Amino acid sequence: MVVREGKIVEVGEYSELSVRFSSGGPIVHFKDSLIMPGFIDSHIHYPQYKVISSYGTSLLEWLNKYTFVEEQ
């Protein structure tokens, strides 16, 4: 994997990438490791979309006052 400025720019076999990207930059070997991107939880509960960001002093108050009402 080739990373430039914090972004993955190429993925492939070391034998190919080492020839194409021989700039002298650091090579890091992550033996027995899994490299994966970060994840952003972008899911939504559809019945609650109208009350997203509704004010509530506590979770339970918010659920009782807005969310549960919307879901009925």
PDB file of N, CA and C in Angstrom:
ATOM      1  N   MET A   1       0.854  -1.164   0.000  1.00  0.00           N
ATOM      2  CA  MET A   1       0.000   0.000   0.000  1.00  0.00           C
ATOM      3  C   MET A   1       0.905   1.233   0.000  1.00  0.00           C
ATOM      4  N   VAL A   2       0.562   2.196  -0.829  1.00  0.00           N
ATOM      5  CA  VAL A   2       1.315   3.444  -0.902  1.00  0.00           C
ATOM      6  C   VAL A   2       0.433   4.553  -0.333  1.00  0.00           C
ATOM      7  N   VAL A   3       1.000   5.294   0.626  1.00  0.00           N
ATOM      8  CA  VAL A   3       0.269   6.373   1.286  1.00  0.00           C
ATOM      9  C   VAL A   3       0.990   7.686   1.027  1.00  0.00           C
ATOM     10  N   ARG A   4       0.240   8.684   0.564  1.00  0.00           N
ATOM     11  CA  ARG A   4       0.789  10.031   0.351  1.00  0.00           C
ATOM     12  C   ARG A   4      -0.094  11.027   1.073  1.00  0.00           C
ATOM     13  N   GLU A   5       0.518  11.847   1.888  1.00  0.00           N
ATOM     14  CA  GLU A   5      -0.197  12.892   2.629  1.00  0.00           C
ATOM     15  C   GLU A   5      -1.416  12.335   3.361  1.00  0.00           C
ATOM     16  N   GLY A   6      -1.241  11.144   3.939  1.00  0.00           N
ATOM     17  CA  GLY A   6      -2.294  10.543   4.743  1.00  0.00           C
ATOM     18  C   GLY A   6      -3.392   9.837   3.973  1.00  0.00           C
ATOM     19  N   LYS A   7      -3.258   9.727   2.658  1.00  0.00           N
ATOM     20  CA  LYS A   7      -4.282   9.068   1.847  1.00  0.00           C
ATOM     21  C   LYS A   7      -3.684   7.887   1.093  1.00  0.00           C
ATOM     22  N   ILE A   8      -4.454   6.808   1.010  1.00  0.00           N
ATOM     23  CA  ILE A   8      -4.019   5.631   0.254  1.00  0.00           C
ATOM     24  C   ILE A   8      -4.132   5.965  -1.228  1.00  0.00           C
ATOM     25  N   VAL A   9      -3.006   5.870  -1.945  1.00  0.00           N
ATOM     26  CA  VAL A   9      -3.010   6.202  -3.369  1.00  0.00           C
ATOM     27  C   VAL A   9      -2.826   4.983  -4.263  1.00  0.00           C
ATOM     28  N   GLU A  10      -2.371   3.877  -3.699  1.00  0.00           N
ATOM     29  CA  GLU A  10      -2.144   2.668  -4.502  1.00  0.00           C
ATOM     30  C   GLU A  10      -2.100   1.459  -3.582  1.00  0.00           C
ATOM     31  N   VAL A  11      -2.658   0.357  -4.071  1.00  0.00           N
ATOM     32  CA  VAL A  11      -2.626  -0.905  -3.337  1.00  0.00           C
ATOM     33  C   VAL A  11      -2.193  -1.983  -4.313  1.00  0.00           C
ATOM     34  N   GLY A  12      -1.316  -2.871  -3.876  1.00  0.00           N
ATOM     35  CA  GLY A  12      -0.864  -3.949  -4.748  1.00  0.00           C
ATOM     36  C   GLY A  12       0.227  -4.766  -4.099  1.00  0.00           C
ATOM     37  N   GLU A  13       0.856  -5.610  -4.901  1.00  0.00           N
ATOM     38  CA  GLU A  13       1.943  -6.465  -4.422  1.00  0.00           C
ATOM     39  C   GLU A  13       3.203  -5.629  -4.199  1.00  0.00           C
ATOM     40  N   TYR A  14       3.948  -5.969  -3.143  1.00  0.00           N
ATOM     41  CA  TYR A  14       5.178  -5.239  -2.828  1.00  0.00           C
ATOM     42  C   TYR A  14       6.148  -5.271  -4.004  1.00  0.00           C
ATOM     43  N   SER A  15       6.250  -6.419  -4.662  1.00  0.00           N
ATOM     44  CA  SER A  15       7.209  -6.549  -5.770  1.00  0.00           C
ATOM     45  C   SER A  15       6.929  -5.535  -6.882  1.00  0.00           C
ATOM     46  N   GLU A  16       5.669  -5.219  -7.120  1.00  0.00           N
ATOM     47  CA  GLU A  16       5.321  -4.233  -8.150  1.00  0.00           C
ATOM     48  C   GLU A  16       5.442  -2.801  -7.629  1.00  0.00           C
ATOM     49  N   LEU A  17       4.909  -2.566  -6.447  1.00  0.00           N
ATOM     50  CA  LEU A  17       4.896  -1.204  -5.907  1.00  0.00           C
ATOM     51  C   LEU A  17       6.296  -0.698  -5.584  1.00  0.00           C
ATOM     52  N   SER A  18       7.178  -1.583  -5.126  1.00  0.00           N
ATOM     53  CA  SER A  18       8.530  -1.144  -4.756  1.00  0.00           C
ATOM     54  C   SER A  18       9.311  -0.646  -5.964  1.00  0.00           C
ATOM     55  N   VAL A  19       9.008  -1.155  -7.148  1.00  0.00           N
ATOM     56  CA  VAL A  19       9.669  -0.691  -8.374  1.00  0.00           C
ATOM     57  C   VAL A  19       9.066   0.643  -8.822  1.00  0.00           C
ATOM     58  N   ARG A  20       7.746   0.737  -8.792  1.00  0.00           N
ATOM     59  CA  ARG A  20       7.059   1.946  -9.264  1.00  0.00           C
ATOM     60  C   ARG A  20       7.218   3.132  -8.328  1.00  0.00           C
ATOM     61  N   PHE A  21       7.352   2.862  -7.037  1.00  0.00           N
ATOM     62  CA  PHE A  21       7.430   3.937  -6.048  1.00  0.00           C
ATOM     63  C   PHE A  21       8.735   3.828  -5.267  1.00  0.00           C
ATOM     64  N   SER A  22       9.843   3.932  -5.945  1.00  0.00           N
ATOM     65  CA  SER A  22      11.150   3.787  -5.289  1.00  0.00           C
ATOM     66  C   SER A  22      11.742   5.146  -4.940  1.00  0.00           C
ATOM     67  N   SER A  23      10.956   5.981  -4.263  1.00  0.00           N
ATOM     68  CA  SER A  23      11.380   7.349  -3.961  1.00  0.00           C
ATOM     69  C   SER A  23      12.296   7.439  -2.751  1.00  0.00           C
ATOM     70  N   GLY A  24      12.533   6.339  -2.095  1.00  0.00           N
ATOM     71  CA  GLY A  24      13.381   6.388  -0.910  1.00  0.00           C
ATOM     72  C   GLY A  24      12.630   6.710   0.363  1.00  0.00           C
ATOM     73  N   GLY A  25      11.319   6.767   0.283  1.00  0.00           N
ATOM     74  CA  GLY A  25      10.516   7.019   1.479  1.00  0.00           C
ATOM     75  C   GLY A  25      10.557   5.821   2.411  1.00  0.00           C
ATOM     76  N   PRO A  26      10.058   5.993   3.628  1.00  0.00           N
ATOM     77  CA  PRO A  26      10.100   4.897   4.595  1.00  0.00           C
ATOM     78  C   PRO A  26       9.196   3.733   4.182  1.00  0.00           C
ATOM     79  N   ILE A  27       9.663   2.534   4.478  1.00  0.00           N
ATOM     80  CA  ILE A  27       8.877   1.326   4.255  1.00  0.00           C
ATOM     81  C   ILE A  27       8.587   0.731   5.623  1.00  0.00           C
ATOM     82  N   VAL A  28       7.310   0.531   5.911  1.00  0.00           N
ATOM     83  CA  VAL A  28       6.900  -0.017   7.200  1.00  0.00           C
ATOM     84  C   VAL A  28       6.263  -1.373   6.947  1.00  0.00           C
ATOM     85  N   HIS A  29       6.727  -2.383   7.680  1.00  0.00           N
ATOM     86  CA  HIS A  29       6.206  -3.739   7.522  1.00  0.00           C
ATOM     87  C   HIS A  29       5.274  -4.050   8.690  1.00  0.00           C
ATOM     88  N   PHE A  30       4.015  -4.270   8.408  1.00  0.00           N
ATOM     89  CA  PHE A  30       3.029  -4.584   9.442  1.00  0.00           C
ATOM     90  C   PHE A  30       2.756  -6.084   9.422  1.00  0.00           C
ATOM     91  N   LYS A  31       3.712  -6.845   9.939  1.00  0.00           N
ATOM     92  CA  LYS A  31       3.610  -8.305   9.937  1.00  0.00           C
ATOM     93  C   LYS A  31       2.424  -8.753  10.791  1.00  0.00           C
ATOM     94  N   ASP A  32       1.680  -9.710  10.256  1.00  0.00           N
ATOM     95  CA  ASP A  32       0.530 -10.292  10.960  1.00  0.00           C
ATOM     96  C   ASP A  32      -0.464  -9.222  11.411  1.00  0.00           C
ATOM     97  N   SER A  33      -0.667  -8.210  10.589  1.00  0.00           N
ATOM     98  CA  SER A  33      -1.578  -7.119  10.943  1.00  0.00           C
ATOM     99  C   SER A  33      -2.654  -6.965   9.880  1.00  0.00           C
ATOM    100  N   LEU A  34      -3.728  -6.349  10.274  1.00  0.00           N
ATOM    101  CA  LEU A  34      -4.812  -6.026   9.359  1.00  0.00           C
ATOM    102  C   LEU A  34      -4.875  -4.506   9.266  1.00  0.00           C
ATOM    103  N   ILE A  35      -4.779  -3.987   8.067  1.00  0.00           N
ATOM    104  CA  ILE A  35      -4.860  -2.546   7.855  1.00  0.00           C
ATOM    105  C   ILE A  35      -6.216  -2.260   7.224  1.00  0.00           C
ATOM    106  N   MET A  36      -6.971  -1.392   7.866  1.00  0.00           N
ATOM    107  CA  MET A  36      -8.296  -1.065   7.349  1.00  0.00           C
ATOM    108  C   MET A  36      -8.608   0.394   7.620  1.00  0.00           C
ATOM    109  N   PRO A  37      -9.489   0.984   6.815  1.00  0.00           N
ATOM    110  CA  PRO A  37      -9.819   2.397   7.001  1.00  0.00           C
ATOM    111  C   PRO A  37     -10.658   2.614   8.251  1.00  0.00           C
ATOM    112  N   GLY A  38     -10.698   3.851   8.691  1.00  0.00           N
ATOM    113  CA  GLY A  38     -11.597   4.193   9.785  1.00  0.00           C
ATOM    114  C   GLY A  38     -13.030   4.179   9.279  1.00  0.00           C
ATOM    115  N   PHE A  39     -13.943   3.989  10.175  1.00  0.00           N
ATOM    116  CA  PHE A  39     -15.345   3.937   9.777  1.00  0.00           C
ATOM    117  C   PHE A  39     -16.122   5.072  10.427  1.00  0.00           C
ATOM    118  N   ILE A  40     -17.084   5.588   9.726  1.00  0.00           N
ATOM    119  CA  ILE A  40     -17.971   6.620  10.248  1.00  0.00           C
ATOM    120  C   ILE A  40     -19.366   6.017  10.280  1.00  0.00           C
ATOM    121  N   ASP A  41     -19.978   6.061  11.433  1.00  0.00           N
ATOM    122  CA  ASP A  41     -21.319   5.507  11.590  1.00  0.00           C
ATOM    123  C   ASP A  41     -22.325   6.512  11.044  1.00  0.00           C
ATOM    124  N   SER A  42     -22.799   6.263   9.844  1.00  0.00           N
ATOM    125  CA  SER A  42     -23.721   7.213   9.216  1.00  0.00           C
ATOM    126  C   SER A  42     -25.137   6.654   9.109  1.00  0.00           C
ATOM    127  N   HIS A  43     -25.427   5.642   9.915  1.00  0.00           N
ATOM    128  CA  HIS A  43     -26.773   5.060   9.823  1.00  0.00           C
ATOM    129  C   HIS A  43     -27.797   5.953  10.513  1.00  0.00           C
ATOM    130  N   ILE A  44     -29.035   5.743  10.182  1.00  0.00           N
ATOM    131  CA  ILE A  44     -30.116   6.530  10.775  1.00  0.00           C
ATOM    132  C   ILE A  44     -31.291   5.598  11.043  1.00  0.00           C
ATOM    133  N   HIS A  45     -32.028   5.895  12.079  1.00  0.00           N
ATOM    134  CA  HIS A  45     -33.270   5.189  12.359  1.00  0.00           C
ATOM    135  C   HIS A  45     -34.357   6.005  11.669  1.00  0.00           C
ATOM    136  N   TYR A  46     -34.874   5.498  10.569  1.00  0.00           N
ATOM    137  CA  TYR A  46     -35.775   6.279   9.722  1.00  0.00           C
ATOM    138  C   TYR A  46     -36.934   6.927  10.476  1.00  0.00           C
ATOM    139  N   PRO A  47     -37.609   6.219  11.390  1.00  0.00           N
ATOM    140  CA  PRO A  47     -38.730   6.881  12.077  1.00  0.00           C
ATOM    141  C   PRO A  47     -38.304   8.087  12.917  1.00  0.00           C
ATOM    142  N   GLN A  48     -37.011   8.222  13.202  1.00  0.00           N
ATOM    143  CA  GLN A  48     -36.539   9.314  14.053  1.00  0.00           C
ATOM    144  C   GLN A  48     -35.998  10.506  13.266  1.00  0.00           C
ATOM    145  N   TYR A  49     -36.022  10.467  11.939  1.00  0.00           N
ATOM    146  CA  TYR A  49     -35.344  11.523  11.174  1.00  0.00           C
ATOM    147  C   TYR A  49     -35.921  12.912  11.421  1.00  0.00           C
ATOM    148  N   LYS A  50     -37.203  13.015  11.753  1.00  0.00           N
ATOM    149  CA  LYS A  50     -37.810  14.328  11.985  1.00  0.00           C
ATOM    150  C   LYS A  50     -37.361  14.960  13.297  1.00  0.00           C
ATOM    151  N   VAL A  51     -36.869  14.150  14.219  1.00  0.00           N
ATOM    152  CA  VAL A  51     -36.522  14.681  15.540  1.00  0.00           C
ATOM    153  C   VAL A  51     -35.019  14.707  15.792  1.00  0.00           C
ATOM    154  N   ILE A  52     -34.226  14.516  14.747  1.00  0.00           N
ATOM    155  CA  ILE A  52     -32.773  14.589  14.915  1.00  0.00           C
ATOM    156  C   ILE A  52     -32.415  15.976  15.434  1.00  0.00           C
ATOM    157  N   SER A  53     -31.589  16.031  16.433  1.00  0.00           N
ATOM    158  CA  SER A  53     -31.120  17.266  17.074  1.00  0.00           C
ATOM    159  C   SER A  53     -32.194  17.966  17.895  1.00  0.00           C
ATOM    160  N   SER A  54     -33.279  17.286  18.221  1.00  0.00           N
ATOM    161  CA  SER A  54     -34.273  17.878  19.119  1.00  0.00           C
ATOM    162  C   SER A  54     -33.662  18.003  20.503  1.00  0.00           C
ATOM    163  N   TYR A  55     -34.026  19.052  21.214  1.00  0.00           N
ATOM    164  CA  TYR A  55     -33.433  19.317  22.517  1.00  0.00           C
ATOM    165  C   TYR A  55     -33.991  18.370  23.573  1.00  0.00           C
ATOM    166  N   GLY A  56     -33.121  17.926  24.458  1.00  0.00           N
ATOM    167  CA  GLY A  56     -33.512  17.135  25.622  1.00  0.00           C
ATOM    168  C   GLY A  56     -32.395  17.202  26.639  1.00  0.00           C
ATOM    169  N   THR A  57     -32.736  17.322  27.913  1.00  0.00           N
ATOM    170  CA  THR A  57     -31.687  17.433  28.931  1.00  0.00           C
ATOM    171  C   THR A  57     -31.034  16.094  29.215  1.00  0.00           C
ATOM    172  N   SER A  58     -31.724  15.005  28.881  1.00  0.00           N
ATOM    173  CA  SER A  58     -31.138  13.679  29.076  1.00  0.00           C
ATOM    174  C   SER A  58     -31.630  12.768  27.960  1.00  0.00           C
ATOM    175  N   LEU A  59     -30.953  11.671  27.791  1.00  0.00           N
ATOM    176  CA  LEU A  59     -31.341  10.734  26.745  1.00  0.00           C
ATOM    177  C   LEU A  59     -32.764  10.236  26.962  1.00  0.00           C
ATOM    178  N   LEU A  60     -33.089   9.849  28.185  1.00  0.00           N
ATOM    179  CA  LEU A  60     -34.423   9.323  28.462  1.00  0.00           C
ATOM    180  C   LEU A  60     -35.507  10.369  28.178  1.00  0.00           C
ATOM    181  N   GLU A  61     -35.243  11.619  28.552  1.00  0.00           N
ATOM    182  CA  GLU A  61     -36.212  12.681  28.264  1.00  0.00           C
ATOM    183  C   GLU A  61     -36.396  12.834  26.757  1.00  0.00           C
ATOM    184  N   TRP A  62     -35.307  12.846  26.033  1.00  0.00           N
ATOM    185  CA  TRP A  62     -35.363  12.988  24.576  1.00  0.00           C
ATOM    186  C   TRP A  62     -36.138  11.830  23.953  1.00  0.00           C
ATOM    187  N   LEU A  63     -35.849  10.612  24.409  1.00  0.00           N
ATOM    188  CA  LEU A  63     -36.557   9.450  23.877  1.00  0.00           C
ATOM    189  C   LEU A  63     -38.055   9.543  24.149  1.00  0.00           C
ATOM    190  N   ASN A  64     -38.414   9.857  25.386  1.00  0.00           N
ATOM    191  CA  ASN A  64     -39.828   9.921  25.763  1.00  0.00           C
ATOM    192  C   ASN A  64     -40.575  11.067  25.084  1.00  0.00           C
ATOM    193  N   LYS A  65     -39.932  12.219  24.984  1.00  0.00           N
ATOM    194  CA  LYS A  65     -40.603  13.418  24.482  1.00  0.00           C
ATOM    195  C   LYS A  65     -40.666  13.486  22.954  1.00  0.00           C
ATOM    196  N   TYR A  66     -39.642  12.979  22.280  1.00  0.00           N
ATOM    197  CA  TYR A  66     -39.575  13.127  20.832  1.00  0.00           C
ATOM    198  C   TYR A  66     -39.562  11.802  20.074  1.00  0.00           C
ATOM    199  N   THR A  67     -38.612  10.955  20.407  1.00  0.00           N
ATOM    200  CA  THR A  67     -38.374   9.772  19.594  1.00  0.00           C
ATOM    201  C   THR A  67     -39.507   8.763  19.653  1.00  0.00           C
ATOM    202  N   PHE A  68     -39.883   8.346  20.849  1.00  0.00           N
ATOM    203  CA  PHE A  68     -40.934   7.340  20.962  1.00  0.00           C
ATOM    204  C   PHE A  68     -42.251   7.845  20.377  1.00  0.00           C
ATOM    205  N   VAL A  69     -42.531   9.116  20.526  1.00  0.00           N
ATOM    206  CA  VAL A  69     -43.749   9.717  19.966  1.00  0.00           C
ATOM    207  C   VAL A  69     -43.725   9.620  18.442  1.00  0.00           C
ATOM    208  N   GLU A  70     -42.587   9.913  17.834  1.00  0.00           N
ATOM    209  CA  GLU A  70     -42.437   9.865  16.378  1.00  0.00           C
ATOM    210  C   GLU A  70     -42.604   8.449  15.859  1.00  0.00           C
ATOM    211  N   GLU A  71     -42.160   7.463  16.625  1.00  0.00           N
ATOM    212  CA  GLU A  71     -42.181   6.080  16.155  1.00  0.00           C
ATOM    213  C   GLU A  71     -43.552   5.424  16.270  1.00  0.00           C
ATOM    214  N   GLN A  72     -44.500   6.052  16.917  1.00  0.00           N
ATOM    215  CA  GLN A  72     -45.820   5.420  17.095  1.00  0.00           C
ATOM    216  C   GLN A  72     -46.741   5.682  15.932  1.00  0.00           C
TER     217      GLN A  72
END
